[in-house]
Amino acid sequence: MKNGKKPTRQQKVAIIAANLDPKDWLIMKNLSSELHILHRVKKESKVISA
């Protein structure tokens, strides 16, 4: 698995819109229609539709 990256400002807005805290999530994939995120501590992954 690749290392997650810190979210950009636009990605933080998308994470907040999904009722999540952007400080707790890392970006795994940034697709045009989806955002794949990984929790920093729990290693839980989610997909956010943009």
PDB file of N, CA and C in Angstrom:
ATOM      1  N   MET A   1       0.845  -1.177   0.000  1.00  0.00           N
ATOM      2  CA  MET A   1       0.000   0.000   0.000  1.00  0.00           C
ATOM      3  C   MET A   1       0.888   1.237   0.000  1.00  0.00           C
ATOM      4  N   LYS A   2       0.515   2.217  -0.801  1.00  0.00           N
ATOM      5  CA  LYS A   2       1.264   3.463  -0.838  1.00  0.00           C
ATOM      6  C   LYS A   2       1.010   4.282   0.421  1.00  0.00           C
ATOM      7  N   ASN A   3       1.901   5.217   0.671  1.00  0.00           N
ATOM      8  CA  ASN A   3       1.716   6.116   1.797  1.00  0.00           C
ATOM      9  C   ASN A   3       0.677   7.168   1.453  1.00  0.00           C
ATOM     10  N   GLY A   4      -0.192   7.484   2.408  1.00  0.00           N
ATOM     11  CA  GLY A   4      -1.206   8.510   2.209  1.00  0.00           C
ATOM     12  C   GLY A   4      -0.587   9.898   2.242  1.00  0.00           C
ATOM     13  N   LYS A   5      -1.259  10.840   1.588  1.00  0.00           N
ATOM     14  CA  LYS A   5      -0.792  12.226   1.521  1.00  0.00           C
ATOM     15  C   LYS A   5      -1.751  13.128   2.286  1.00  0.00           C
ATOM     16  N   LYS A   6      -1.245  14.256   2.764  1.00  0.00           N
ATOM     17  CA  LYS A   6      -2.084  15.226   3.435  1.00  0.00           C
ATOM     18  C   LYS A   6      -3.063  15.828   2.431  1.00  0.00           C
ATOM     19  N   PRO A   7      -4.306  16.078   2.837  1.00  0.00           N
ATOM     20  CA  PRO A   7      -5.294  16.627   1.903  1.00  0.00           C
ATOM     21  C   PRO A   7      -5.035  18.104   1.589  1.00  0.00           C
ATOM     22  N   THR A   8      -5.356  18.467   0.348  1.00  0.00           N
ATOM     23  CA  THR A   8      -5.276  19.869  -0.063  1.00  0.00           C
ATOM     24  C   THR A   8      -6.527  20.597   0.432  1.00  0.00           C
ATOM     25  N   ARG A   9      -6.607  21.879   0.180  1.00  0.00           N
ATOM     26  CA  ARG A   9      -7.740  22.664   0.643  1.00  0.00           C
ATOM     27  C   ARG A   9      -9.055  22.165   0.031  1.00  0.00           C
ATOM     28  N   GLN A  10      -9.070  21.890  -1.273  1.00  0.00           N
ATOM     29  CA  GLN A  10     -10.283  21.394  -1.935  1.00  0.00           C
ATOM     30  C   GLN A  10     -10.668  20.013  -1.396  1.00  0.00           C
ATOM     31  N   GLN A  11      -9.674  19.180  -1.131  1.00  0.00           N
ATOM     32  CA  GLN A  11      -9.951  17.858  -0.589  1.00  0.00           C
ATOM     33  C   GLN A  11     -10.487  17.958   0.832  1.00  0.00           C
ATOM     34  N   LYS A  12      -9.978  18.910   1.612  1.00  0.00           N
ATOM     35  CA  LYS A  12     -10.489  19.120   2.963  1.00  0.00           C
ATOM     36  C   LYS A  12     -11.957  19.521   2.931  1.00  0.00           C
ATOM     37  N   VAL A  13     -12.335  20.345   1.960  1.00  0.00           N
ATOM     38  CA  VAL A  13     -13.731  20.760   1.821  1.00  0.00           C
ATOM     39  C   VAL A  13     -14.608  19.547   1.538  1.00  0.00           C
ATOM     40  N   ALA A  14     -14.147  18.645   0.680  1.00  0.00           N
ATOM     41  CA  ALA A  14     -14.908  17.434   0.358  1.00  0.00           C
ATOM     42  C   ALA A  14     -15.020  16.522   1.583  1.00  0.00           C
ATOM     43  N   ILE A  15     -13.966  16.429   2.370  1.00  0.00           N
ATOM     44  CA  ILE A  15     -13.989  15.586   3.578  1.00  0.00           C
ATOM     45  C   ILE A  15     -14.948  16.167   4.613  1.00  0.00           C
ATOM     46  N   ILE A  16     -14.925  17.481   4.775  1.00  0.00           N
ATOM     47  CA  ILE A  16     -15.840  18.146   5.714  1.00  0.00           C
ATOM     48  C   ILE A  16     -17.279  17.956   5.263  1.00  0.00           C
ATOM     49  N   ALA A  17     -17.523  18.013   3.943  1.00  0.00           N
ATOM     50  CA  ALA A  17     -18.875  17.819   3.412  1.00  0.00           C
ATOM     51  C   ALA A  17     -19.399  16.416   3.707  1.00  0.00           C
ATOM     52  N   ALA A  18     -18.492  15.456   3.896  1.00  0.00           N
ATOM     53  CA  ALA A  18     -18.879  14.083   4.242  1.00  0.00           C
ATOM     54  C   ALA A  18     -18.969  13.894   5.760  1.00  0.00           C
ATOM     55  N   ASN A  19     -18.985  14.986   6.515  1.00  0.00           N
ATOM     56  CA  ASN A  19     -19.088  14.979   7.982  1.00  0.00           C
ATOM     57  C   ASN A  19     -17.930  14.236   8.639  1.00  0.00           C
ATOM     58  N   LEU A  20     -16.716  14.433   8.119  1.00  0.00           N
ATOM     59  CA  LEU A  20     -15.515  13.841   8.692  1.00  0.00           C
ATOM     60  C   LEU A  20     -14.531  14.950   9.033  1.00  0.00           C
ATOM     61  N   ASP A  21     -13.585  14.655   9.914  1.00  0.00           N
ATOM     62  CA  ASP A  21     -12.564  15.616  10.311  1.00  0.00           C
ATOM     63  C   ASP A  21     -11.336  15.431   9.416  1.00  0.00           C
ATOM     64  N   PRO A  22     -10.948  16.444   8.637  1.00  0.00           N
ATOM     65  CA  PRO A  22      -9.824  16.280   7.706  1.00  0.00           C
ATOM     66  C   PRO A  22      -8.484  16.034   8.388  1.00  0.00           C
ATOM     67  N   LYS A  23      -8.363  16.374   9.680  1.00  0.00           N
ATOM     68  CA  LYS A  23      -7.106  16.123  10.394  1.00  0.00           C
ATOM     69  C   LYS A  23      -6.867  14.634  10.623  1.00  0.00           C
ATOM     70  N   ASP A  24      -7.938  13.829  10.561  1.00  0.00           N
ATOM     71  CA  ASP A  24      -7.831  12.399  10.841  1.00  0.00           C
ATOM     72  C   ASP A  24      -7.678  11.544   9.594  1.00  0.00           C
ATOM     73  N   TRP A  25      -7.719  12.144   8.399  1.00  0.00           N
ATOM     74  CA  TRP A  25      -7.749  11.365   7.171  1.00  0.00           C
ATOM     75  C   TRP A  25      -6.601  11.722   6.237  1.00  0.00           C
ATOM     76  N   LEU A  26      -6.106  10.718   5.502  1.00  0.00           N
ATOM     77  CA  LEU A  26      -5.072  10.889   4.488  1.00  0.00           C
ATOM     78  C   LEU A  26      -5.649  10.506   3.129  1.00  0.00           C
ATOM     79  N   ILE A  27      -5.125  11.100   2.065  1.00  0.00           N
ATOM     80  CA  ILE A  27      -5.604  10.847   0.711  1.00  0.00           C
ATOM     81  C   ILE A  27      -4.822   9.678   0.119  1.00  0.00           C
ATOM     82  N   MET A  28      -5.555   8.654  -0.338  1.00  0.00           N
ATOM     83  CA  MET A  28      -4.923   7.515  -0.998  1.00  0.00           C
ATOM     84  C   MET A  28      -5.003   7.641  -2.513  1.00  0.00           C
ATOM     85  N   LYS A  29      -6.194   7.974  -3.038  1.00  0.00           N
ATOM     86  CA  LYS A  29      -6.398   8.163  -4.469  1.00  0.00           C
ATOM     87  C   LYS A  29      -7.267   9.394  -4.666  1.00  0.00           C
ATOM     88  N   ASN A  30      -6.958  10.166  -5.694  1.00  0.00           N
ATOM     89  CA  ASN A  30      -7.740  11.342  -6.024  1.00  0.00           C
ATOM     90  C   ASN A  30      -8.207  11.196  -7.468  1.00  0.00           C
ATOM     91  N   LEU A  31      -9.364  10.583  -7.647  1.00  0.00           N
ATOM     92  CA  LEU A  31      -9.940  10.413  -8.977  1.00  0.00           C
ATOM     93  C   LEU A  31     -10.879  11.579  -9.266  1.00  0.00           C
ATOM     94  N   SER A  32     -11.277  11.722 -10.519  1.00  0.00           N
ATOM     95  CA  SER A  32     -12.127  12.859 -10.889  1.00  0.00           C
ATOM     96  C   SER A  32     -13.501  12.805 -10.216  1.00  0.00           C
ATOM     97  N   SER A  33     -14.030  11.599  -9.977  1.00  0.00           N
ATOM     98  CA  SER A  33     -15.357  11.493  -9.381  1.00  0.00           C
ATOM     99  C   SER A  33     -15.340  10.931  -7.962  1.00  0.00           C
ATOM    100  N   GLU A  34     -14.191  10.452  -7.492  1.00  0.00           N
ATOM    101  CA  GLU A  34     -14.104   9.844  -6.163  1.00  0.00           C
ATOM    102  C   GLU A  34     -12.839  10.278  -5.443  1.00  0.00           C
ATOM    103  N   LEU A  35     -12.910  10.224  -4.125  1.00  0.00           N
ATOM    104  CA  LEU A  35     -11.765  10.512  -3.272  1.00  0.00           C
ATOM    105  C   LEU A  35     -11.619   9.330  -2.314  1.00  0.00           C
ATOM    106  N   HIS A  36     -10.513   8.603  -2.408  1.00  0.00           N
ATOM    107  CA  HIS A  36     -10.264   7.456  -1.539  1.00  0.00           C
ATOM    108  C   HIS A  36      -9.415   7.949  -0.375  1.00  0.00           C
ATOM    109  N   ILE A  37      -9.940   7.793   0.846  1.00  0.00           N
ATOM    110  CA  ILE A  37      -9.257   8.305   2.031  1.00  0.00           C
ATOM    111  C   ILE A  37      -8.992   7.173   3.017  1.00  0.00           C
ATOM    112  N   LEU A  38      -7.985   7.382   3.869  1.00  0.00           N
ATOM    113  CA  LEU A  38      -7.558   6.394   4.851  1.00  0.00           C
ATOM    114  C   LEU A  38      -7.417   7.083   6.205  1.00  0.00           C
ATOM    115  N   HIS A  39      -7.992   6.475   7.245  1.00  0.00           N
ATOM    116  CA  HIS A  39      -7.893   7.046   8.589  1.00  0.00           C
ATOM    117  C   HIS A  39      -6.458   6.897   9.100  1.00  0.00           C
ATOM    118  N   ARG A  40      -5.949   7.934   9.733  1.00  0.00           N
ATOM    119  CA  ARG A  40      -4.554   7.938  10.199  1.00  0.00           C
ATOM    120  C   ARG A  40      -4.278   6.865  11.251  1.00  0.00           C
ATOM    121  N   VAL A  41      -5.208   6.628  12.157  1.00  0.00           N
ATOM    122  CA  VAL A  41      -4.971   5.732  13.282  1.00  0.00           C
ATOM    123  C   VAL A  41      -5.578   4.341  13.050  1.00  0.00           C
ATOM    124  N   LYS A  42      -6.850   4.304  12.672  1.00  0.00           N
ATOM    125  CA  LYS A  42      -7.571   3.040  12.541  1.00  0.00           C
ATOM    126  C   LYS A  42      -7.249   2.289  11.252  1.00  0.00           C
ATOM    127  N   LYS A  43      -6.650   2.954  10.278  1.00  0.00           N
ATOM    128  CA  LYS A  43      -6.360   2.367   8.962  1.00  0.00           C
ATOM    129  C   LYS A  43      -7.632   1.943   8.235  1.00  0.00           C
ATOM    130  N   GLU A  44      -8.734   2.606   8.539  1.00  0.00           N
ATOM    131  CA  GLU A  44     -10.023   2.353   7.895  1.00  0.00           C
ATOM    132  C   GLU A  44     -10.075   3.188   6.611  1.00  0.00           C
ATOM    133  N   SER A  45     -10.557   2.618   5.532  1.00  0.00           N
ATOM    134  CA  SER A  45     -10.625   3.358   4.279  1.00  0.00           C
ATOM    135  C   SER A  45     -12.075   3.653   3.916  1.00  0.00           C
ATOM    136  N   LYS A  46     -12.284   4.786   3.225  1.00  0.00           N
ATOM    137  CA  LYS A  46     -13.603   5.193   2.767  1.00  0.00           C
ATOM    138  C   LYS A  46     -13.464   5.794   1.380  1.00  0.00           C
ATOM    139  N   VAL A  47     -14.581   5.833   0.672  1.00  0.00           N
ATOM    140  CA  VAL A  47     -14.638   6.464  -0.646  1.00  0.00           C
ATOM    141  C   VAL A  47     -15.680   7.567  -0.579  1.00  0.00           C
ATOM    142  N   ILE A  48     -15.283   8.780  -0.982  1.00  0.00           N
ATOM    143  CA  ILE A  48     -16.171   9.922  -1.002  1.00  0.00           C
ATOM    144  C   ILE A  48     -16.453  10.283  -2.450  1.00  0.00           C
ATOM    145  N   SER A  49     -17.709  10.398  -2.811  1.00  0.00           N
ATOM    146  CA  SER A  49     -18.075  10.825  -4.166  1.00  0.00           C
ATOM    147  C   SER A  49     -18.022  12.340  -4.242  1.00  0.00           C
ATOM    148  N   ALA A  50     -17.387  12.826  -5.296  1.00  0.00           N
ATOM    149  CA  ALA A  50     -17.236  14.280  -5.434  1.00  0.00           C
ATOM    150  C   ALA A  50     -18.277  14.861  -6.354  1.00  0.00           C
TER     151      ALA A  50
END
